[in-house]
Structure formats: C-alpha cells, structure tokens
C-alpha atoms as a PDB file:
ATOM      1  CA  MET A   1      40.191 -12.422  11.181  1.00  0.00           C
ATOM      2  CA  ASP A   2      40.825  -9.958   8.286  1.00  0.00           C
ATOM      3  CA  ALA A   3      43.133 -10.244   5.518  1.00  0.00           C
ATOM      4  CA  ASN A   4      45.738  -8.122   6.584  1.00  0.00           C
ATOM      5  CA  ASN A   5      46.208 -10.233  10.084  1.00  0.00           C
ATOM      6  CA  LEU A   6      46.035 -13.112   8.142  1.00  0.00           C
ATOM      7  CA  LEU A   7      49.092 -12.359   5.724  1.00  0.00           C
ATOM      8  CA  ASP A   8      50.792 -11.033   8.740  1.00  0.00           C
ATOM      9  CA  ASP A   9      50.188 -14.195  10.490  1.00  0.00           C
ATOM     10  CA  LEU A  10      51.368 -16.592   7.470  1.00  0.00           C
ATOM     11  CA  ALA A  11      54.508 -13.950   6.509  1.00  0.00           C
ATOM     12  CA  ARG A  12      55.549 -14.470  10.464  1.00  0.00           C
ATOM     13  CA  ARG A  13      55.080 -18.379  10.190  1.00  0.00           C
ATOM     14  CA  LEU A  14      57.007 -18.631   6.891  1.00  0.00           C
ATOM     15  CA  ALA A  15      59.654 -16.410   8.529  1.00  0.00           C
ATOM     16  CA  ASP A  16      59.565 -18.585  12.052  1.00  0.00           C
ATOM     17  CA  ALA A  17      60.348 -21.635   9.447  1.00  0.00           C
ATOM     18  CA  VAL A  18      63.498 -20.434   8.135  1.00  0.00           C
ATOM     19  CA  PRO A  19      66.696 -21.790   9.668  1.00  0.00           C
ATOM     20  CA  PRO A  20      68.072 -20.310  12.739  1.00  0.00           C
ATOM     21  CA  SER A  21      71.108 -19.404  11.245  1.00  0.00           C
ATOM     22  CA  LEU A  22      69.007 -16.874   8.744  1.00  0.00           C
ATOM     23  CA  ARG A  23      66.696 -15.501  11.041  1.00  0.00           C
ATOM     24  CA  ASN A  24      69.037 -12.811  11.651  1.00  0.00           C
ATOM     25  CA  LEU A  25      67.005 -11.113   8.522  1.00  0.00           C
ATOM     26  CA  GLY A  26      64.043 -11.543  10.694  1.00  0.00           C
ATOM     27  CA  ARG A  27      62.030  -8.650  10.207  1.00  0.00           C
ATOM     28  CA  ASP A  28      63.361  -8.154   6.604  1.00  0.00           C
ATOM     29  CA  LEU A  29      62.352 -11.792   5.698  1.00  0.00           C
ATOM     30  CA  GLU A  30      58.940 -11.381   7.097  1.00  0.00           C
ATOM     31  CA  SER A  31      58.213  -8.248   5.355  1.00  0.00           C
ATOM     32  CA  ASN A  32      59.578  -9.626   2.170  1.00  0.00           C
ATOM     33  CA  PHE A  33      57.195 -12.882   2.765  1.00  0.00           C
ATOM     34  CA  LYS A  34      54.386 -10.706   3.196  1.00  0.00           C
ATOM     35  CA  ALA A  35      54.985  -8.356   0.211  1.00  0.00           C
ATOM     36  CA  ILE A  36      55.113 -11.416  -2.084  1.00  0.00           C
ATOM     37  CA  LEU A  37      52.222 -13.080  -0.672  1.00  0.00           C
ATOM     38  CA  GLN A  38      50.059 -10.075  -1.370  1.00  0.00           C
ATOM     39  CA  ALA A  39      51.517  -9.411  -4.805  1.00  0.00           C
ATOM     40  CA  GLN A  40      50.850 -13.359  -5.715  1.00  0.00           C
ATOM     41  CA  LEU A  41      47.204 -12.861  -4.206  1.00  0.00           C
ATOM     42  CA  ALA A  42      46.597 -10.052  -5.860  1.00  0.00           C
ATOM     43  CA  LYS A  43      46.992 -11.842  -9.371  1.00  0.00           C
ATOM     44  CA  LEU A  44      44.615 -14.129  -8.282  1.00  0.00           C
ATOM     45  CA  ASP A  45      40.520 -13.450  -8.919  1.00  0.00           C
ATOM     46  CA  LEU A  46      39.222 -13.489  -5.615  1.00  0.00           C
ATOM     47  CA  VAL A  47      36.377 -11.945  -3.758  1.00  0.00           C
ATOM     48  CA  THR A  48      35.904 -11.420  -0.178  1.00  0.00           C
ATOM     49  CA  ARG A  49      33.603 -13.537   1.807  1.00  0.00           C
ATOM     50  CA  SER A  50      31.025 -11.301   2.195  1.00  0.00           C
ATOM     51  CA  GLU A  51      30.880 -10.453  -1.517  1.00  0.00           C
ATOM     52  CA  PHE A  52      30.377 -14.463  -2.078  1.00  0.00           C
ATOM     53  CA  ASP A  53      27.887 -14.345   0.379  1.00  0.00           C
ATOM     54  CA  VAL A  54      25.884 -11.878  -1.074  1.00  0.00           C
ATOM     55  CA  GLN A  55      26.315 -13.135  -4.896  1.00  0.00           C
ATOM     56  CA  ALA A  56      25.363 -16.996  -3.457  1.00  0.00           C
ATOM     57  CA  ALA A  57      22.028 -15.422  -1.978  1.00  0.00           C
ATOM     58  CA  LEU A  58      21.516 -13.461  -5.272  1.00  0.00           C
ATOM     59  CA  LEU A  59      21.670 -16.992  -6.963  1.00  0.00           C
ATOM     60  CA  SER A  60      19.419 -18.655  -4.526  1.00  0.00           C
ATOM     61  CA  ARG A  61      16.647 -16.013  -5.125  1.00  0.00           C
ATOM     62  CA  THR A  62      17.056 -16.264  -8.844  1.00  0.00           C
ATOM     63  CA  ALA A  63      16.828 -19.882  -8.632  1.00  0.00           C
ATOM     64  CA  ALA A  64      13.724 -19.747  -6.505  1.00  0.00           C
ATOM     65  CA  SER A  65      12.260 -17.213  -9.219  1.00  0.00           C
ATOM     66  CA  LEU A  66      13.182 -19.245 -11.696  1.00  0.00           C
ATOM     67  CA  ALA A  67      11.707 -22.519 -10.688  1.00  0.00           C
ATOM     68  CA  GLY A  68       8.252 -20.454  -9.950  1.00  0.00           C
ATOM     69  CA  LEU A  69       8.266 -19.122 -13.518  1.00  0.00           C
ATOM     70  CA  GLU A  70       8.920 -22.228 -15.047  1.00  0.00           C
ATOM     71  CA  GLU A  71       5.862 -23.658 -12.797  1.00  0.00           C
ATOM     72  CA  ARG A  72       3.730 -20.597 -14.127  1.00  0.00           C
ATOM     73  CA  LEU A  73       4.711 -21.682 -17.669  1.00  0.00           C
ATOM     74  CA  LYS A  74       3.596 -25.370 -17.607  1.00  0.00           C
ATOM     75  CA  VAL A  75       0.361 -24.185 -16.010  1.00  0.00           C
ATOM     76  CA  LEU A  76      -0.015 -21.515 -18.685  1.00  0.00           C
ATOM     77  CA  GLU A  77       1.074 -24.187 -21.701  1.00  0.00           C
ATOM     78  CA  ALA A  78      -1.365 -26.491 -20.054  1.00  0.00           C
ATOM     79  CA  LYS A  79      -4.188 -24.481 -20.569  1.00  0.00           C
ATOM     80  CA  ILE A  80      -3.506 -23.072 -23.896  1.00  0.00           C
ATOM     81  CA  LEU A  81      -2.788 -26.550 -25.422  1.00  0.00           C
ATOM     82  CA  GLY A  82      -5.206 -28.771 -24.068  1.00  0.00           C
ATOM     83  CA  ALA A  83      -5.554 -31.972 -25.368  1.00  0.00           C
ATOM     84  CA  ASP A  84      -6.074 -30.563 -28.902  1.00  0.00           C
ATOM     85  CA  GLY A  85      -2.350 -29.708 -29.592  1.00  0.00           C
ATOM     86  CA  PRO A  86      -1.178 -26.351 -30.310  1.00  0.00           C
ATOM     87  CA  PRO A  87      -3.208 -23.646 -31.490  1.00  0.00           C
ATOM     88  CA  GLU A  88      -2.172 -22.291 -35.022  1.00  0.00           C
ATOM     89  CA  ALA A  89      -1.172 -19.120 -33.578  1.00  0.00           C
ATOM     90  CA  THR A  90       1.533 -21.075 -31.362  1.00  0.00           C
ATOM     91  CA  ARG A  91       2.907 -23.153 -33.849  1.00  0.00           C
ATOM     92  CA  PRO A  92       6.065 -21.827 -34.797  1.00  0.00           C
ATOM     93  CA  PRO A  93       6.377 -20.390 -38.355  1.00  0.00           C
ATOM     94  CA  ASP A  94       7.919 -22.790 -41.152  1.00  0.00           C
ATOM     95  CA  ALA A  95      11.425 -21.516 -42.288  1.00  0.00           C
ATOM     96  CA  THR A  96      10.228 -20.795 -45.409  1.00  0.00           C
ATOM     97  CA  ARG A  97       6.738 -20.866 -47.132  1.00  0.00           C
ATOM     98  CA  PRO A  98       5.708 -20.885 -50.874  1.00  0.00           C
ATOM     99  CA  GLY A  99       6.536 -17.478 -52.464  1.00  0.00           C
ATOM    100  CA  ASP A 100       8.464 -16.601 -49.379  1.00  0.00           C
ATOM    101  CA  THR A 101      12.509 -15.958 -49.977  1.00  0.00           C
ATOM    102  CA  ALA A 102      15.195 -17.658 -48.218  1.00  0.00           C
ATOM    103  CA  PRO A 103      16.526 -15.020 -45.180  1.00  0.00           C
ATOM    104  CA  THR A 104      19.751 -14.265 -46.217  1.00  0.00           C
END
C-alpha cells in the first residue's frame, strides 16, 4: 500500500469514527483529516522504505569492510611490532623535545 492510499484509508477511518450526527460533513471531514495528516507527516523527518533499505544495505557493507580492514590492520601491526615492541619510526613523537618550542 503506497503512502497516498494509506493516508486516504486513515482519513476515511477517522471520518467514519466521527459520531453519526456529524457525518453529514463526511467528505469535507475526510479531506480535512487527510490534509492535517499530510501536514503533520511532512514535519517529520521520514524516509521511504526503499531509501531505508538502501541505507541499511550500505551500512552492512561498510561494517563488513571495516571489520576486514581492522583484521588487516591487526595482521600488519603484528608483523611490524613483532616481539620487540614498536620500532622507532612507529613510536608517536613526544609533544615537545629539547630545543623545540611548544605548539601555539
């Protein structure tokens, strides 16, 4: 069921829920309910189901890619670090060294 049919159905149900004494307004109430529903739903930050599914698939692929990259990083770190600890080139530099000025 698409969004317009859903809104039509919901507006019709709301109009049918109105007491019989007010049902003379029938079509007018139904169209007003639909307009109100559309206005309120437009204020929400909603996406279509297909847009959601696309983003969910993208997130899944990204998570799988990240897991693979993390595993590759562990392997590379293990090769570099070995049992001796980090080589000098991979150690983070000190914040300040003698003769250096503090960053501004």
